[in-house]
C-alpha cells in the first residue's frame, strides 16, 4: 500500500464525527492536561452521550488504525491516544503533501 492509500485510510477512520469526538476527548485528557488521564469506555460513553457498545466499536477502529491504545487497570481498560500512531500519520502527510501543508 502506498502513502496515498494509507492517508486515505486514516481519513476514512477519522471521517466519523463520533470518532473525531473520541480523539478530541482523549487528547483533552492526556496526562498533565486532564486530571484523570486515560478514560474507560463507561466514562467515554457518558461524556459523549452514546452507548458503551458504540464507544467500544469506535475504539476498536481507532485501535486498529494505531491511533488509540488501551491499558488494563484492574477490571477496566483505559484508553489514551497513541502519540506514535499520530506521528506516523503526520510524517506521511508531511512527506506526501509537503511542509507547508502542516
N, C-alpha and C. Protein backbone atom coordinates (compact mmCIF):
# COMPACT_ATOMS: atom_id res chain seq x y z
N UNK A 1 0.86 -1.18 0.00
CA UNK A 1 0.00 0.00 0.00
C UNK A 1 0.90 1.23 0.00
N UNK A 2 0.62 2.17 -0.88
CA UNK A 2 1.47 3.37 -0.93
C UNK A 2 0.97 4.42 0.07
N UNK A 3 1.72 5.50 0.19
CA UNK A 3 1.42 6.54 1.19
C UNK A 3 0.05 7.17 0.98
N UNK A 4 -0.34 7.38 -0.27
CA UNK A 4 -1.64 7.99 -0.55
C UNK A 4 -2.76 7.10 -0.04
N UNK A 5 -2.64 5.80 -0.26
CA UNK A 5 -3.67 4.88 0.22
C UNK A 5 -3.71 4.84 1.74
N UNK A 6 -2.55 4.89 2.39
CA UNK A 6 -2.50 4.91 3.86
C UNK A 6 -3.18 6.15 4.40
N UNK A 7 -2.90 7.29 3.77
CA UNK A 7 -3.53 8.53 4.21
C UNK A 7 -5.04 8.50 3.98
N UNK A 8 -5.46 7.96 2.85
CA UNK A 8 -6.90 7.85 2.58
C UNK A 8 -7.57 6.98 3.64
N UNK A 9 -6.91 5.90 4.05
CA UNK A 9 -7.47 5.04 5.09
C UNK A 9 -7.62 5.77 6.41
N UNK A 10 -6.62 6.57 6.79
CA UNK A 10 -6.74 7.27 8.07
C UNK A 10 -7.81 8.35 7.99
N UNK A 11 -7.95 8.97 6.84
CA UNK A 11 -9.03 9.96 6.69
C UNK A 11 -10.39 9.28 6.80
N UNK A 12 -10.50 8.07 6.29
CA UNK A 12 -11.76 7.31 6.44
C UNK A 12 -12.04 7.03 7.90
N UNK A 13 -11.01 6.62 8.63
CA UNK A 13 -11.18 6.34 10.06
C UNK A 13 -11.65 7.59 10.80
N UNK A 14 -11.07 8.72 10.47
CA UNK A 14 -11.39 9.96 11.18
C UNK A 14 -12.59 10.70 10.59
N UNK A 15 -13.22 10.15 9.57
CA UNK A 15 -14.34 10.84 8.93
C UNK A 15 -15.64 10.73 9.73
N UNK A 16 -15.68 9.86 10.72
CA UNK A 16 -16.88 9.70 11.53
C UNK A 16 -16.87 10.73 12.67
N UNK A 17 -17.95 11.48 12.85
CA UNK A 17 -17.98 12.51 13.90
C UNK A 17 -17.76 11.96 15.31
N UNK A 18 -18.30 10.78 15.61
CA UNK A 18 -18.11 10.22 16.95
C UNK A 18 -16.65 9.86 17.18
N UNK A 19 -15.99 9.33 16.17
CA UNK A 19 -14.57 9.01 16.33
C UNK A 19 -13.74 10.27 16.51
N UNK A 20 -14.09 11.32 15.77
CA UNK A 20 -13.37 12.59 15.96
C UNK A 20 -13.61 13.14 17.36
N UNK A 21 -14.83 13.01 17.87
CA UNK A 21 -15.11 13.45 19.24
C UNK A 21 -14.30 12.63 20.25
N UNK A 22 -14.20 11.32 20.01
CA UNK A 22 -13.39 10.47 20.88
C UNK A 22 -11.93 10.92 20.89
N UNK A 23 -11.38 11.16 19.71
CA UNK A 23 -9.99 11.61 19.61
C UNK A 23 -9.81 12.94 20.34
N UNK A 24 -10.74 13.86 20.16
CA UNK A 24 -10.66 15.16 20.84
C UNK A 24 -10.75 14.98 22.35
N UNK A 25 -11.70 14.17 22.81
CA UNK A 25 -11.85 13.92 24.24
C UNK A 25 -10.59 13.28 24.83
N UNK A 26 -10.05 12.30 24.14
CA UNK A 26 -8.83 11.65 24.63
C UNK A 26 -7.64 12.61 24.59
N UNK A 27 -7.58 13.48 23.61
CA UNK A 27 -6.47 14.44 23.56
C UNK A 27 -6.59 15.46 24.69
N UNK A 28 -7.82 15.80 25.08
CA UNK A 28 -8.03 16.72 26.19
C UNK A 28 -7.71 16.06 27.53
N UNK A 29 -7.71 14.73 27.59
CA UNK A 29 -7.50 14.00 28.84
C UNK A 29 -6.14 13.32 28.90
N UNK A 30 -5.19 13.80 28.15
CA UNK A 30 -3.84 13.27 28.24
C UNK A 30 -3.26 13.64 29.60
N UNK A 31 -2.39 12.81 30.16
CA UNK A 31 -1.77 13.12 31.45
C UNK A 31 -1.12 14.50 31.43
N UNK A 32 -1.33 15.23 32.50
CA UNK A 32 -0.79 16.58 32.58
C UNK A 32 -1.74 17.63 32.05
N UNK A 33 -2.72 17.20 31.25
CA UNK A 33 -3.71 18.13 30.70
C UNK A 33 -5.03 17.98 31.45
N UNK A 34 -5.40 16.74 31.70
CA UNK A 34 -6.66 16.40 32.34
C UNK A 34 -6.34 15.65 33.63
N UNK A 35 -7.06 15.93 34.68
CA UNK A 35 -6.79 15.32 35.97
C UNK A 35 -6.84 13.79 35.91
N UNK A 36 -7.77 13.24 35.15
CA UNK A 36 -7.98 11.81 35.15
C UNK A 36 -7.05 11.00 34.27
N UNK A 37 -6.47 11.56 33.25
CA UNK A 37 -5.66 10.78 32.32
C UNK A 37 -6.52 9.89 31.44
N UNK A 38 -6.04 8.70 31.08
CA UNK A 38 -6.80 7.80 30.21
C UNK A 38 -8.18 7.49 30.78
N UNK A 39 -9.14 7.23 29.89
CA UNK A 39 -10.54 7.02 30.28
C UNK A 39 -11.03 5.64 29.90
N UNK A 40 -11.94 5.10 30.71
CA UNK A 40 -12.56 3.81 30.39
C UNK A 40 -13.75 4.03 29.46
N UNK A 41 -14.26 2.95 28.91
CA UNK A 41 -15.38 3.01 27.96
C UNK A 41 -16.59 3.69 28.60
N UNK A 42 -16.88 3.36 29.85
CA UNK A 42 -18.04 3.94 30.52
C UNK A 42 -17.91 5.46 30.63
N UNK A 43 -16.75 5.95 31.01
CA UNK A 43 -16.53 7.39 31.12
C UNK A 43 -16.64 8.06 29.75
N UNK A 44 -16.07 7.42 28.74
CA UNK A 44 -16.15 7.98 27.38
C UNK A 44 -17.60 8.03 26.91
N UNK A 45 -18.34 6.95 27.13
CA UNK A 45 -19.74 6.90 26.71
C UNK A 45 -20.54 7.98 27.42
N UNK A 46 -20.31 8.15 28.70
CA UNK A 46 -21.04 9.16 29.47
C UNK A 46 -20.74 10.57 28.95
N UNK A 47 -19.48 10.85 28.72
CA UNK A 47 -19.08 12.20 28.27
C UNK A 47 -19.55 12.49 26.85
N UNK A 48 -19.65 11.45 26.02
CA UNK A 48 -20.07 11.65 24.63
C UNK A 48 -21.58 11.52 24.45
N UNK A 49 -22.25 10.93 25.44
CA UNK A 49 -23.70 10.75 25.33
C UNK A 49 -24.08 9.67 24.33
N UNK A 50 -23.26 8.63 24.22
CA UNK A 50 -23.56 7.49 23.34
C UNK A 50 -23.44 6.21 24.18
N UNK A 51 -23.86 5.10 23.61
CA UNK A 51 -23.82 3.84 24.34
C UNK A 51 -22.40 3.32 24.48
N UNK A 52 -22.20 2.46 25.48
CA UNK A 52 -20.88 1.85 25.67
C UNK A 52 -20.50 0.97 24.48
N UNK A 53 -21.49 0.29 23.91
CA UNK A 53 -21.17 -0.57 22.76
C UNK A 53 -20.73 0.26 21.56
N UNK A 54 -21.34 1.43 21.37
CA UNK A 54 -20.93 2.30 20.27
C UNK A 54 -19.49 2.78 20.49
N UNK A 55 -19.18 3.18 21.72
CA UNK A 55 -17.83 3.63 22.03
C UNK A 55 -16.84 2.50 21.79
N UNK A 56 -17.18 1.29 22.23
CA UNK A 56 -16.29 0.15 22.03
C UNK A 56 -16.01 -0.11 20.56
N UNK A 57 -17.03 -0.02 19.74
CA UNK A 57 -16.85 -0.24 18.30
C UNK A 57 -15.95 0.84 17.69
N UNK A 58 -16.16 2.08 18.07
CA UNK A 58 -15.33 3.16 17.54
C UNK A 58 -13.89 3.04 18.04
N UNK A 59 -13.71 2.66 19.30
CA UNK A 59 -12.36 2.45 19.83
C UNK A 59 -11.65 1.32 19.10
N UNK A 60 -12.38 0.28 18.76
CA UNK A 60 -11.78 -0.84 18.02
C UNK A 60 -11.20 -0.34 16.70
N UNK A 61 -11.95 0.48 16.00
CA UNK A 61 -11.50 1.01 14.71
C UNK A 61 -10.29 1.92 14.91
N UNK A 62 -10.34 2.76 15.92
CA UNK A 62 -9.20 3.65 16.20
C UNK A 62 -7.96 2.87 16.64
N UNK A 63 -8.16 1.79 17.40
CA UNK A 63 -7.02 0.94 17.80
C UNK A 63 -6.41 0.26 16.59
N UNK A 64 -7.25 -0.27 15.70
CA UNK A 64 -6.75 -0.94 14.50
C UNK A 64 -5.95 0.02 13.63
N UNK A 65 -6.32 1.28 13.64
CA UNK A 65 -5.60 2.29 12.86
C UNK A 65 -4.33 2.75 13.57
N UNK A 66 -4.14 2.33 14.81
CA UNK A 66 -2.96 2.71 15.56
C UNK A 66 -3.03 4.08 16.20
N UNK A 67 -4.24 4.61 16.37
CA UNK A 67 -4.39 5.95 16.92
C UNK A 67 -4.68 5.95 18.42
N UNK A 68 -5.17 4.83 18.93
CA UNK A 68 -5.55 4.72 20.34
C UNK A 68 -4.93 3.45 20.91
N UNK A 69 -4.58 3.51 22.18
CA UNK A 69 -4.07 2.31 22.86
C UNK A 69 -4.85 2.13 24.16
N UNK A 70 -4.93 0.89 24.59
CA UNK A 70 -5.63 0.58 25.83
C UNK A 70 -4.69 -0.06 26.82
N UNK A 71 -4.95 0.18 28.10
CA UNK A 71 -4.17 -0.43 29.17
C UNK A 71 -5.14 -0.87 30.26
N UNK A 72 -4.95 -2.09 30.73
CA UNK A 72 -5.84 -2.63 31.76
C UNK A 72 -5.45 -2.07 33.12
N UNK A 73 -6.47 -1.57 33.83
CA UNK A 73 -6.34 -1.10 35.20
C UNK A 73 -7.41 -1.82 36.00
N UNK A 74 -7.00 -2.88 36.68
CA UNK A 74 -7.98 -3.72 37.39
C UNK A 74 -8.90 -4.35 36.37
N UNK A 75 -10.20 -4.26 36.60
CA UNK A 75 -11.15 -4.89 35.66
C UNK A 75 -11.45 -4.03 34.42
N UNK A 76 -10.91 -2.82 34.37
CA UNK A 76 -11.27 -1.89 33.30
C UNK A 76 -10.10 -1.65 32.34
N UNK A 77 -10.46 -1.41 31.09
CA UNK A 77 -9.49 -0.95 30.09
C UNK A 77 -9.60 0.57 30.04
N UNK A 78 -8.47 1.24 30.10
CA UNK A 78 -8.43 2.69 29.99
C UNK A 78 -7.75 3.02 28.66
N UNK A 79 -8.31 4.00 27.97
CA UNK A 79 -7.84 4.32 26.62
C UNK A 79 -7.22 5.71 26.58
N UNK A 80 -6.19 5.81 25.76
CA UNK A 80 -5.48 7.07 25.54
C UNK A 80 -5.05 7.12 24.08
N UNK A 81 -4.72 8.30 23.61
CA UNK A 81 -4.18 8.42 22.26
C UNK A 81 -2.81 7.76 22.20
N UNK A 82 -2.48 7.24 21.04
CA UNK A 82 -1.15 6.68 20.82
C UNK A 82 -0.34 7.71 20.04
N UNK A 83 0.53 8.44 20.72
CA UNK A 83 1.27 9.50 20.03
C UNK A 83 2.13 8.98 18.89
N UNK A 84 2.65 7.76 19.01
CA UNK A 84 3.46 7.19 17.93
C UNK A 84 2.62 7.01 16.67
N UNK A 85 1.38 6.59 16.83
CA UNK A 85 0.47 6.42 15.69
C UNK A 85 0.20 7.74 14.99
N UNK A 86 -0.07 8.78 15.79
CA UNK A 86 -0.31 10.09 15.19
C UNK A 86 0.93 10.64 14.51
N UNK A 87 2.08 10.42 15.11
CA UNK A 87 3.33 10.90 14.50
C UNK A 87 3.58 10.23 13.16
N UNK A 88 3.25 8.95 13.07
CA UNK A 88 3.43 8.21 11.82
C UNK A 88 2.60 8.85 10.71
N UNK A 89 1.35 9.20 11.03
CA UNK A 89 0.48 9.79 10.01
C UNK A 89 0.88 11.23 9.70
N UNK A 90 1.35 11.96 10.70
CA UNK A 90 1.83 13.32 10.45
C UNK A 90 3.02 13.29 9.50
N UNK A 91 3.92 12.35 9.73
CA UNK A 91 5.09 12.20 8.87
C UNK A 91 4.66 11.86 7.45
N UNK A 92 3.72 10.95 7.31
CA UNK A 92 3.23 10.56 5.98
C UNK A 92 2.57 11.75 5.29
N UNK A 93 1.79 12.54 6.02
CA UNK A 93 1.17 13.74 5.44
C UNK A 93 2.23 14.73 4.98
N UNK A 94 3.21 14.95 5.83
CA UNK A 94 4.27 15.90 5.51
C UNK A 94 5.05 15.45 4.28
N UNK A 95 5.38 14.15 4.20
CA UNK A 95 6.13 13.63 3.06
C UNK A 95 5.31 13.67 1.78
N UNK A 96 4.02 13.45 1.89
CA UNK A 96 3.17 13.40 0.70
C UNK A 96 2.76 14.78 0.23
N UNK A 97 2.40 15.67 1.17
CA UNK A 97 1.83 16.95 0.80
C UNK A 97 2.77 18.12 1.01
N UNK A 98 3.89 17.89 1.66
CA UNK A 98 4.88 18.95 1.86
C UNK A 98 4.75 19.64 3.20
N UNK A 99 5.81 20.32 3.58
CA UNK A 99 5.88 21.02 4.87
C UNK A 99 4.82 22.10 5.01
N UNK A 100 4.50 22.79 3.94
CA UNK A 100 3.55 23.91 4.02
C UNK A 100 2.15 23.46 4.38
N UNK A 101 1.86 22.18 4.14
CA UNK A 101 0.52 21.67 4.43
C UNK A 101 0.28 21.60 5.92
N UNK A 102 1.29 21.23 6.67
CA UNK A 102 1.13 21.08 8.13
C UNK A 102 1.65 22.31 8.76
